[in-house]
């Protein structure tokens, strides 16, 4: 019975596969965070639009001057929040791009190891086949030799 193929670098392959999976998870988290930031920006813009509508309704009625000052300050604060979130989104996109590069490298490392494993596996089975053919040939030769000896 031929011995089973055992890849000596299986541990390294597992480590590289684990690293690839870890990067995939990090990419997913970054995408989720980017979507959350984009949603926050959208909400802030909606709040600004609602504030303008409320300001128009408020100005139509007689009101105190202090209340009217609230609207520009509120809108400015919301615009600052939007700028901060846009900066955060930009940095997240840069991190995402870096992770994509890291992911492609990790995938390449895994692919190299898998190809190497397949090469070694093929070599192993070719060696087993070669030994099997040699054994068959030896057995055939011995059988012919015995038959030859019986015929004499």
N, C-alpha and C. Protein backbone atom coordinates (compact mmCIF):
# COMPACT_ATOMS: atom_id res chain seq x y z
N UNK A 1 0.85 -1.19 0.00
CA UNK A 1 0.00 0.00 0.00
C UNK A 1 0.89 1.24 0.00
N UNK A 2 0.74 2.12 -1.00
CA UNK A 2 1.58 3.32 -1.05
C UNK A 2 1.22 4.28 0.08
N UNK A 3 2.24 5.00 0.54
CA UNK A 3 1.98 5.93 1.64
C UNK A 3 1.26 7.17 1.12
N UNK A 4 0.43 7.72 1.98
CA UNK A 4 -0.40 8.88 1.64
C UNK A 4 0.46 10.13 1.51
N UNK A 5 0.04 11.04 0.64
CA UNK A 5 0.78 12.29 0.44
C UNK A 5 0.62 13.18 1.66
N UNK A 6 1.73 13.72 2.12
CA UNK A 6 1.71 14.65 3.24
C UNK A 6 2.55 15.85 2.85
N UNK A 7 1.92 17.03 2.85
CA UNK A 7 2.60 18.27 2.47
C UNK A 7 3.31 18.82 3.70
N UNK A 8 4.61 18.95 3.62
CA UNK A 8 5.39 19.37 4.78
C UNK A 8 5.15 20.82 5.18
N UNK A 9 4.69 21.64 4.23
CA UNK A 9 4.47 23.06 4.52
C UNK A 9 2.99 23.38 4.74
N UNK A 10 2.22 22.38 5.15
CA UNK A 10 0.78 22.57 5.36
C UNK A 10 0.51 23.65 6.41
N UNK A 11 1.33 23.69 7.45
CA UNK A 11 1.17 24.70 8.49
C UNK A 11 1.31 26.11 7.95
N UNK A 12 2.31 26.30 7.10
CA UNK A 12 2.53 27.62 6.49
C UNK A 12 1.36 27.99 5.59
N UNK A 13 0.86 27.02 4.84
CA UNK A 13 -0.30 27.27 3.98
C UNK A 13 -1.51 27.68 4.82
N UNK A 14 -1.73 27.01 5.93
CA UNK A 14 -2.85 27.36 6.82
C UNK A 14 -2.70 28.77 7.37
N UNK A 15 -1.48 29.14 7.74
CA UNK A 15 -1.22 30.49 8.27
C UNK A 15 -1.54 31.53 7.20
N UNK A 16 -1.11 31.27 5.97
CA UNK A 16 -1.36 32.22 4.89
C UNK A 16 -2.85 32.30 4.57
N UNK A 17 -3.56 31.18 4.61
CA UNK A 17 -5.01 31.19 4.38
C UNK A 17 -5.71 31.96 5.50
N UNK A 18 -5.24 31.78 6.74
CA UNK A 18 -5.83 32.50 7.87
C UNK A 18 -5.63 34.00 7.70
N UNK A 19 -4.43 34.39 7.27
CA UNK A 19 -4.14 35.81 7.06
C UNK A 19 -5.07 36.38 5.98
N UNK A 20 -5.29 35.63 4.90
CA UNK A 20 -6.18 36.07 3.83
C UNK A 20 -7.61 36.26 4.36
N UNK A 21 -8.08 35.31 5.16
CA UNK A 21 -9.44 35.41 5.72
C UNK A 21 -9.54 36.61 6.66
N UNK A 22 -8.50 36.85 7.43
CA UNK A 22 -8.48 37.99 8.36
C UNK A 22 -8.58 39.30 7.59
N UNK A 23 -7.85 39.41 6.50
CA UNK A 23 -7.89 40.62 5.68
C UNK A 23 -9.27 40.80 5.06
N UNK A 24 -9.89 39.69 4.62
CA UNK A 24 -11.25 39.78 4.07
C UNK A 24 -12.22 40.34 5.12
N UNK A 25 -12.09 39.89 6.34
CA UNK A 25 -12.95 40.38 7.43
C UNK A 25 -12.70 41.87 7.65
N UNK A 26 -11.43 42.28 7.66
CA UNK A 26 -11.10 43.69 7.85
C UNK A 26 -11.65 44.54 6.71
N UNK A 27 -11.60 44.02 5.48
CA UNK A 27 -12.17 44.74 4.34
C UNK A 27 -13.67 44.92 4.52
N UNK A 28 -14.33 43.88 4.98
CA UNK A 28 -15.77 43.97 5.22
C UNK A 28 -16.10 44.99 6.29
N UNK A 29 -15.30 45.02 7.35
CA UNK A 29 -15.53 46.01 8.41
C UNK A 29 -15.32 47.42 7.89
N UNK A 30 -14.28 47.60 7.07
CA UNK A 30 -14.03 48.93 6.50
C UNK A 30 -15.18 49.36 5.59
N UNK A 31 -15.69 48.44 4.78
CA UNK A 31 -16.83 48.77 3.92
C UNK A 31 -18.05 49.16 4.74
N UNK A 32 -18.29 48.42 5.82
CA UNK A 32 -19.44 48.73 6.68
C UNK A 32 -19.27 50.12 7.30
N UNK A 33 -18.07 50.40 7.78
CA UNK A 33 -17.80 51.69 8.39
C UNK A 33 -17.95 52.82 7.36
N UNK A 34 -17.47 52.58 6.13
CA UNK A 34 -17.61 53.59 5.07
C UNK A 34 -19.09 53.85 4.77
N UNK A 35 -19.88 52.79 4.72
CA UNK A 35 -21.32 52.96 4.49
C UNK A 35 -21.99 53.72 5.62
N UNK A 36 -21.57 53.45 6.85
CA UNK A 36 -22.12 54.17 8.01
C UNK A 36 -21.81 55.67 7.92
N UNK A 37 -20.57 55.99 7.54
CA UNK A 37 -20.17 57.39 7.42
C UNK A 37 -20.96 58.07 6.29
N UNK A 38 -21.11 57.38 5.17
CA UNK A 38 -21.90 57.95 4.07
C UNK A 38 -23.35 58.19 4.49
N UNK A 39 -23.89 57.26 5.28
CA UNK A 39 -25.26 57.44 5.79
C UNK A 39 -25.34 58.65 6.72
N UNK A 40 -24.32 58.81 7.59
CA UNK A 40 -24.30 59.97 8.50
C UNK A 40 -24.25 61.27 7.71
N UNK A 41 -23.45 61.31 6.65
CA UNK A 41 -23.36 62.52 5.81
C UNK A 41 -24.73 62.81 5.20
N UNK A 42 -25.38 61.77 4.70
CA UNK A 42 -26.71 61.94 4.10
C UNK A 42 -27.71 62.48 5.13
N UNK A 43 -27.67 61.95 6.35
CA UNK A 43 -28.58 62.41 7.42
C UNK A 43 -28.29 63.87 7.76
N UNK A 44 -27.02 64.22 7.85
CA UNK A 44 -26.65 65.60 8.16
C UNK A 44 -27.16 66.56 7.09
N UNK A 45 -27.03 66.17 5.84
CA UNK A 45 -27.53 67.01 4.75
C UNK A 45 -29.04 67.15 4.81
N UNK A 46 -29.72 66.06 5.15
CA UNK A 46 -31.18 66.12 5.32
C UNK A 46 -31.56 67.05 6.47
N UNK A 47 -30.79 66.98 7.55
CA UNK A 47 -31.07 67.86 8.69
C UNK A 47 -30.87 69.33 8.32
N UNK A 48 -29.86 69.61 7.51
CA UNK A 48 -29.64 70.99 7.06
C UNK A 48 -30.84 71.46 6.22
N UNK A 49 -31.29 70.60 5.33
CA UNK A 49 -32.45 70.96 4.49
C UNK A 49 -33.68 71.21 5.36
N UNK A 50 -33.88 70.38 6.36
CA UNK A 50 -35.02 70.57 7.27
C UNK A 50 -34.87 71.86 8.07
N UNK A 51 -33.65 72.18 8.43
CA UNK A 51 -33.40 73.41 9.19
C UNK A 51 -33.73 74.63 8.35
N UNK A 52 -33.35 74.60 7.06
CA UNK A 52 -33.70 75.72 6.18
C UNK A 52 -35.22 75.87 6.08
N UNK A 53 -35.92 74.76 5.97
CA UNK A 53 -37.38 74.80 5.90
C UNK A 53 -37.97 75.37 7.18
N UNK A 54 -37.42 74.92 8.31
CA UNK A 54 -37.90 75.42 9.61
C UNK A 54 -37.59 76.91 9.76
N UNK A 55 -36.44 77.34 9.26
CA UNK A 55 -36.07 78.75 9.34
C UNK A 55 -37.05 79.59 8.52
N UNK A 56 -37.39 79.13 7.33
CA UNK A 56 -38.35 79.85 6.49
C UNK A 56 -39.69 79.98 7.20
N UNK A 57 -40.15 78.92 7.82
CA UNK A 57 -41.42 78.95 8.53
C UNK A 57 -41.32 79.85 9.76
N UNK A 58 -40.17 79.83 10.41
CA UNK A 58 -40.00 80.62 11.64
C UNK A 58 -39.92 82.11 11.32
N UNK A 59 -39.26 82.48 10.22
CA UNK A 59 -39.10 83.88 9.85
C UNK A 59 -40.44 84.48 9.40
N UNK A 60 -41.31 83.65 8.90
CA UNK A 60 -42.61 84.13 8.43
C UNK A 60 -43.45 84.69 9.58
N UNK A 61 -43.17 84.25 10.79
CA UNK A 61 -43.91 84.73 11.97
C UNK A 61 -43.01 85.66 12.77
N UNK A 62 -43.59 86.56 13.51
CA UNK A 62 -42.75 87.43 14.35
C UNK A 62 -42.04 86.60 15.44
N UNK A 63 -40.72 86.86 15.60
CA UNK A 63 -39.95 86.08 16.57
C UNK A 63 -38.84 86.94 17.16
N UNK A 64 -38.24 86.43 18.20
CA UNK A 64 -37.14 87.13 18.87
C UNK A 64 -35.86 86.97 18.06
N UNK A 65 -34.98 87.95 18.11
CA UNK A 65 -33.73 87.95 17.35
C UNK A 65 -32.81 86.82 17.77
N UNK A 66 -32.85 86.48 19.05
CA UNK A 66 -31.98 85.40 19.52
C UNK A 66 -32.34 84.07 18.87
N UNK A 67 -33.58 83.86 18.63
CA UNK A 67 -34.01 82.60 18.00
C UNK A 67 -33.55 82.51 16.55
N UNK A 68 -33.56 83.66 15.87
CA UNK A 68 -33.15 83.66 14.46
C UNK A 68 -31.65 83.38 14.35
N UNK A 69 -30.86 83.77 15.35
CA UNK A 69 -29.41 83.52 15.34
C UNK A 69 -29.09 82.02 15.46
N UNK A 70 -30.02 81.28 15.99
CA UNK A 70 -29.79 79.84 16.19
C UNK A 70 -29.56 79.12 14.87
N UNK A 71 -30.32 79.47 13.84
CA UNK A 71 -30.28 78.73 12.58
C UNK A 71 -28.90 78.73 11.91
N UNK A 72 -28.26 79.89 11.71
CA UNK A 72 -26.94 79.86 11.05
C UNK A 72 -25.89 79.09 11.87
N UNK A 73 -25.96 79.21 13.18
CA UNK A 73 -24.99 78.49 14.02
C UNK A 73 -25.22 76.97 13.91
N UNK A 74 -26.48 76.58 13.89
CA UNK A 74 -26.81 75.16 13.78
C UNK A 74 -26.35 74.61 12.42
N UNK A 75 -26.61 75.37 11.36
CA UNK A 75 -26.23 74.93 10.01
C UNK A 75 -24.71 74.86 9.88
N UNK A 76 -24.02 75.84 10.47
CA UNK A 76 -22.56 75.82 10.42
C UNK A 76 -22.01 74.60 11.16
N UNK A 77 -22.61 74.25 12.30
CA UNK A 77 -22.18 73.07 13.05
C UNK A 77 -22.40 71.81 12.22
N UNK A 78 -23.54 71.73 11.55
CA UNK A 78 -23.84 70.56 10.71
C UNK A 78 -22.86 70.49 9.53
N UNK A 79 -22.54 71.63 8.93
CA UNK A 79 -21.57 71.64 7.82
C UNK A 79 -20.19 71.19 8.30
N UNK A 80 -19.81 71.60 9.51
CA UNK A 80 -18.54 71.15 10.07
C UNK A 80 -18.55 69.63 10.30
N UNK A 81 -19.69 69.12 10.78
CA UNK A 81 -19.83 67.67 10.96
C UNK A 81 -19.69 66.95 9.61
N UNK A 82 -20.29 67.52 8.58
CA UNK A 82 -20.19 66.92 7.25
C UNK A 82 -18.73 66.90 6.79
N UNK A 83 -18.02 68.00 6.99
CA UNK A 83 -16.60 68.06 6.60
C UNK A 83 -15.79 67.01 7.35
N UNK A 84 -16.05 66.90 8.66
CA UNK A 84 -15.33 65.91 9.47
C UNK A 84 -15.62 64.49 8.98
N UNK A 85 -16.89 64.22 8.67
CA UNK A 85 -17.25 62.89 8.18
C UNK A 85 -16.68 62.63 6.79
N UNK A 86 -16.60 63.65 5.96
CA UNK A 86 -15.99 63.48 4.63
C UNK A 86 -14.50 63.19 4.76
N UNK A 87 -13.83 63.85 5.72
CA UNK A 87 -12.41 63.56 5.97
C UNK A 87 -12.24 62.13 6.47
N UNK A 88 -13.13 61.71 7.36
CA UNK A 88 -13.09 60.35 7.87
C UNK A 88 -13.32 59.35 6.73
N UNK A 89 -14.28 59.65 5.86
CA UNK A 89 -14.57 58.79 4.72
C UNK A 89 -13.35 58.68 3.79
N UNK A 90 -12.69 59.80 3.57
CA UNK A 90 -11.49 59.80 2.72
C UNK A 90 -10.40 58.90 3.33
N UNK A 91 -10.18 59.02 4.65
CA UNK A 91 -9.15 58.19 5.28
C UNK A 91 -9.56 56.72 5.26
N UNK A 92 -10.85 56.44 5.41
CA UNK A 92 -11.32 55.05 5.34
C UNK A 92 -11.12 54.48 3.93
N UNK A 93 -11.35 55.31 2.92
CA UNK A 93 -11.13 54.84 1.55
C UNK A 93 -9.65 54.54 1.30
N UNK A 94 -8.79 55.36 1.86
CA UNK A 94 -7.35 55.09 1.72
C UNK A 94 -6.97 53.79 2.43
N UNK A 95 -7.50 53.59 3.64
CA UNK A 95 -7.24 52.33 4.35
C UNK A 95 -7.76 51.14 3.55
N UNK A 96 -8.94 51.33 2.96
CA UNK A 96 -9.54 50.27 2.15
C UNK A 96 -8.64 49.92 0.97
N UNK A 97 -8.14 50.95 0.28
CA UNK A 97 -7.25 50.71 -0.86
C UNK A 97 -5.98 49.98 -0.43
N UNK A 98 -5.44 50.36 0.74
CA UNK A 98 -4.25 49.68 1.26
C UNK A 98 -4.55 48.21 1.57
N UNK A 99 -5.73 47.97 2.16
CA UNK A 99 -6.13 46.59 2.48
C UNK A 99 -6.33 45.77 1.22
N UNK A 100 -6.86 46.40 0.17
CA UNK A 100 -7.04 45.68 -1.10
C UNK A 100 -5.68 45.25 -1.63
N UNK A 101 -4.69 46.12 -1.54
CA UNK A 101 -3.33 45.76 -1.97
C UNK A 101 -2.79 44.61 -1.11
N UNK A 102 -3.01 44.72 0.20
CA UNK A 102 -2.55 43.68 1.11
C UNK A 102 -3.26 42.36 0.81
N UNK A 103 -4.54 42.45 0.46
CA UNK A 103 -5.32 41.27 0.13
C UNK A 103 -4.79 40.59 -1.13
N UNK A 104 -4.46 41.38 -2.13
CA UNK A 104 -3.95 40.79 -3.37
C UNK A 104 -2.61 40.09 -3.11
N UNK A 105 -1.78 40.66 -2.25
CA UNK A 105 -0.51 40.02 -1.90
C UNK A 105 -0.76 38.72 -1.14
N UNK A 106 -1.69 38.76 -0.20
CA UNK A 106 -2.00 37.56 0.58
C UNK A 106 -2.57 36.46 -0.31
N UNK A 107 -3.44 36.84 -1.25
CA UNK A 107 -3.99 35.85 -2.18
C UNK A 107 -2.89 35.24 -3.03
N UNK A 108 -1.95 36.08 -3.45
CA UNK A 108 -0.82 35.59 -4.24
C UNK A 108 0.02 34.61 -3.45
N UNK A 109 0.27 34.92 -2.17
CA UNK A 109 1.05 34.02 -1.32
C UNK A 109 0.35 32.68 -1.17
N UNK A 110 -0.95 32.71 -0.97
CA UNK A 110 -1.72 31.46 -0.81
C UNK A 110 -1.67 30.67 -2.12
N UNK A 111 -1.84 31.36 -3.23
CA UNK A 111 -1.85 30.69 -4.54
C UNK A 111 -0.50 30.02 -4.81
N UNK A 112 0.57 30.71 -4.46
CA UNK A 112 1.91 30.14 -4.64
C UNK A 112 2.05 28.84 -3.84
N UNK A 113 1.60 28.88 -2.58
CA UNK A 113 1.70 27.69 -1.73
C UNK A 113 0.81 26.57 -2.26
N UNK A 114 -0.39 26.90 -2.73
CA UNK A 114 -1.28 25.88 -3.26
C UNK A 114 -0.69 25.25 -4.52
N UNK A 115 -0.11 26.07 -5.39
CA UNK A 115 0.53 25.54 -6.59
C UNK A 115 1.71 24.64 -6.24
N UNK A 116 2.49 25.06 -5.24
CA UNK A 116 3.62 24.27 -4.79
C UNK A 116 3.14 22.94 -4.22
N UNK A 117 2.06 22.99 -3.46
CA UNK A 117 1.49 21.77 -2.87
C UNK A 117 1.04 20.82 -3.98
N UNK A 118 0.35 21.35 -4.98
CA UNK A 118 -0.10 20.52 -6.10
C UNK A 118 1.08 19.90 -6.84
N UNK A 119 2.13 20.68 -7.02
CA UNK A 119 3.33 20.17 -7.70
C UNK A 119 3.93 19.01 -6.92
N UNK A 120 4.04 19.20 -5.61
CA UNK A 120 4.62 18.14 -4.77
C UNK A 120 3.71 16.92 -4.74
N UNK A 121 2.42 17.13 -4.74
CA UNK A 121 1.46 16.03 -4.74
C UNK A 121 1.58 15.24 -6.04
N UNK A 122 1.69 15.93 -7.16
CA UNK A 122 1.85 15.28 -8.45
C UNK A 122 3.15 14.48 -8.49
N UNK A 123 4.22 15.08 -7.98
CA UNK A 123 5.51 14.38 -7.93
C UNK A 123 5.40 13.11 -7.08
N UNK A 124 4.71 13.23 -5.95
CA UNK A 124 4.54 12.10 -5.04
C UNK A 124 3.81 10.95 -5.75
N UNK A 125 2.72 11.28 -6.42
CA UNK A 125 1.95 10.23 -7.09
C UNK A 125 2.69 9.66 -8.30
N UNK A 126 3.47 10.47 -8.97
CA UNK A 126 4.30 9.95 -10.07
C UNK A 126 5.34 8.98 -9.54
N UNK A 127 5.92 9.31 -8.40
CA UNK A 127 6.91 8.43 -7.79
C UNK A 127 6.27 7.11 -7.36
N UNK A 128 5.08 7.18 -6.80
CA UNK A 128 4.36 5.97 -6.40
C UNK A 128 4.05 5.12 -7.64
N UNK A 129 3.59 5.78 -8.69
CA UNK A 129 3.27 5.07 -9.93
C UNK A 129 4.51 4.41 -10.52
N UNK A 130 5.62 5.13 -10.47
CA UNK A 130 6.88 4.58 -10.99
C UNK A 130 7.28 3.34 -10.20
N UNK A 131 7.19 3.40 -8.88
CA UNK A 131 7.54 2.25 -8.04
C UNK A 131 6.59 1.08 -8.30
N UNK A 132 5.33 1.40 -8.49
CA UNK A 132 4.34 0.36 -8.77
C UNK A 132 4.64 -0.33 -10.11
N UNK A 133 4.95 0.48 -11.12
CA UNK A 133 5.29 -0.10 -12.42
C UNK A 133 6.55 -0.95 -12.34
N UNK A 134 7.54 -0.50 -11.57
CA UNK A 134 8.76 -1.28 -11.38
C UNK A 134 8.45 -2.60 -10.69
N UNK A 135 7.58 -2.57 -9.70
CA UNK A 135 7.20 -3.79 -8.99
C UNK A 135 6.47 -4.74 -9.92
N UNK A 136 5.57 -4.19 -10.74
CA UNK A 136 4.84 -5.03 -11.69
C UNK A 136 5.80 -5.66 -12.69
N UNK A 137 6.73 -4.84 -13.18
CA UNK A 137 7.71 -5.35 -14.15
C UNK A 137 8.58 -6.43 -13.52
N UNK A 138 9.00 -6.21 -12.30
CA UNK A 138 9.82 -7.20 -11.59
C UNK A 138 9.04 -8.49 -11.39
N UNK A 139 7.78 -8.36 -11.01
CA UNK A 139 6.93 -9.52 -10.81
C UNK A 139 6.75 -10.28 -12.12
N UNK A 140 6.54 -9.54 -13.21
CA UNK A 140 6.37 -10.16 -14.53
C UNK A 140 7.63 -10.89 -14.95
N UNK A 141 8.76 -10.26 -14.72
CA UNK A 141 10.05 -10.88 -15.08
C UNK A 141 10.26 -12.16 -14.26
N UNK A 142 9.94 -12.10 -12.97
CA UNK A 142 10.10 -13.27 -12.12
C UNK A 142 9.17 -14.39 -12.58
N UNK A 143 7.97 -14.04 -12.96
CA UNK A 143 7.00 -15.02 -13.44
C UNK A 143 7.50 -15.67 -14.73
N UNK A 144 8.03 -14.86 -15.66
CA UNK A 144 8.56 -15.39 -16.91
C UNK A 144 9.76 -16.29 -16.64
N UNK A 145 10.59 -15.90 -15.70
CA UNK A 145 11.77 -16.69 -15.36
C UNK A 145 11.35 -18.04 -14.79
N UNK A 146 10.31 -18.05 -13.92
CA UNK A 146 9.82 -19.30 -13.35
C UNK A 146 9.21 -20.19 -14.43
N UNK A 147 8.44 -19.57 -15.33
CA UNK A 147 7.85 -20.34 -16.41
C UNK A 147 8.91 -20.94 -17.31
N UNK A 148 9.95 -20.18 -17.54
CA UNK A 148 11.07 -20.63 -18.37
C UNK A 148 11.76 -21.81 -17.68
N UNK A 149 11.92 -21.70 -16.35
CA UNK A 149 12.56 -22.77 -15.59
C UNK A 149 11.71 -24.02 -15.57
N UNK A 150 10.42 -23.92 -15.56
CA UNK A 150 9.51 -25.07 -15.56
C UNK A 150 9.54 -25.76 -16.91
N UNK A 151 9.69 -25.01 -17.96
CA UNK A 151 9.68 -25.57 -19.30
C UNK A 151 10.97 -26.35 -19.62
N UNK A 152 12.01 -26.13 -18.91
CA UNK A 152 13.26 -26.82 -19.20
C UNK A 152 13.27 -28.19 -18.70
